[in-house]
Amino acid sequence: MIVSITLTIAARLFFSAVFGLWLGWGVIGVAFGMSIDLVFRGAIFIWRYKSQAWTKFQVI
């Protein structure tokens, strides 16, 4: 959840601003920036899954 919130605020806003506003791509640039956010999020989730750190978490 922390990764999702952090990347949504940081990466999604940054890349959407870069492609949508600074490069002048408009709505297509915003969609492209949001797609890049999903790629980063997926890569981090795959890395966490392969590291097996999530199996050591104990609820009770």
Protein backbone atom coordinates (compact mmCIF):
# COMPACT_ATOMS: atom_id res chain seq x y z
CA MET A 1 0.00 0.00 0.00
CA ILE A 2 2.85 2.38 0.82
CA VAL A 3 4.46 1.67 -2.56
CA SER A 4 1.18 2.33 -4.39
CA ILE A 5 0.51 5.62 -2.62
CA THR A 6 4.08 6.85 -2.95
CA LEU A 7 4.34 6.01 -6.64
CA THR A 8 0.93 7.50 -7.36
CA ILE A 9 1.95 10.79 -5.82
CA ALA A 10 5.53 10.87 -7.06
CA ALA A 11 5.80 9.02 -10.37
CA ARG A 12 2.29 9.44 -11.76
CA LEU A 13 2.16 13.17 -11.16
CA PHE A 14 5.74 13.72 -12.32
CA PHE A 15 5.50 11.74 -15.55
CA SER A 16 2.02 13.07 -16.33
CA ALA A 17 3.31 16.61 -15.94
CA VAL A 18 6.40 15.89 -18.05
CA PHE A 19 4.56 14.28 -20.95
CA GLY A 20 1.25 16.12 -20.70
CA LEU A 21 2.38 19.68 -19.97
CA TRP A 22 6.09 20.16 -20.62
CA LEU A 23 6.25 18.14 -23.82
CA GLY A 24 2.81 19.31 -24.90
CA TRP A 25 1.29 15.88 -25.52
CA GLY A 26 -1.93 16.73 -23.67
CA VAL A 27 -4.23 13.91 -22.63
CA ILE A 28 -2.16 11.29 -24.45
CA GLY A 29 0.91 12.38 -22.46
CA VAL A 30 -1.01 12.11 -19.19
CA ALA A 31 -2.13 8.59 -20.11
CA PHE A 32 1.45 7.70 -21.07
CA GLY A 33 2.73 9.05 -17.74
CA MET A 34 0.16 6.99 -15.87
CA SER A 35 1.26 3.91 -17.81
CA ILE A 36 4.87 4.49 -16.81
CA ASP A 37 3.70 4.61 -13.18
CA LEU A 38 2.07 1.19 -13.60
CA VAL A 39 5.30 -0.21 -15.06
CA PHE A 40 7.32 1.07 -12.08
CA ARG A 41 4.76 -0.25 -9.62
CA GLY A 42 4.70 -3.65 -11.30
CA ALA A 43 8.50 -3.87 -11.28
CA ILE A 44 8.64 -3.08 -7.56
CA PHE A 45 5.89 -5.60 -6.76
CA ILE A 46 7.69 -8.30 -8.76
CA TRP A 47 10.95 -7.48 -6.95
CA ARG A 48 9.16 -7.72 -3.56
CA TYR A 49 7.54 -11.00 -4.56
CA LYS A 50 10.84 -12.57 -5.65
CA SER A 51 12.68 -11.37 -2.54
CA GLN A 52 10.30 -13.43 -0.37
CA ALA A 53 10.26 -10.65 2.24
CA TRP A 54 6.47 -10.78 2.33
CA THR A 55 6.54 -14.38 3.65
CA LYS A 56 8.26 -13.30 6.85
CA PHE A 57 5.46 -10.92 7.84
CA GLN A 58 3.46 -12.23 10.80
CA VAL A 59 -0.05 -10.97 11.47
CA ILE A 60 -0.64 -12.52 14.89
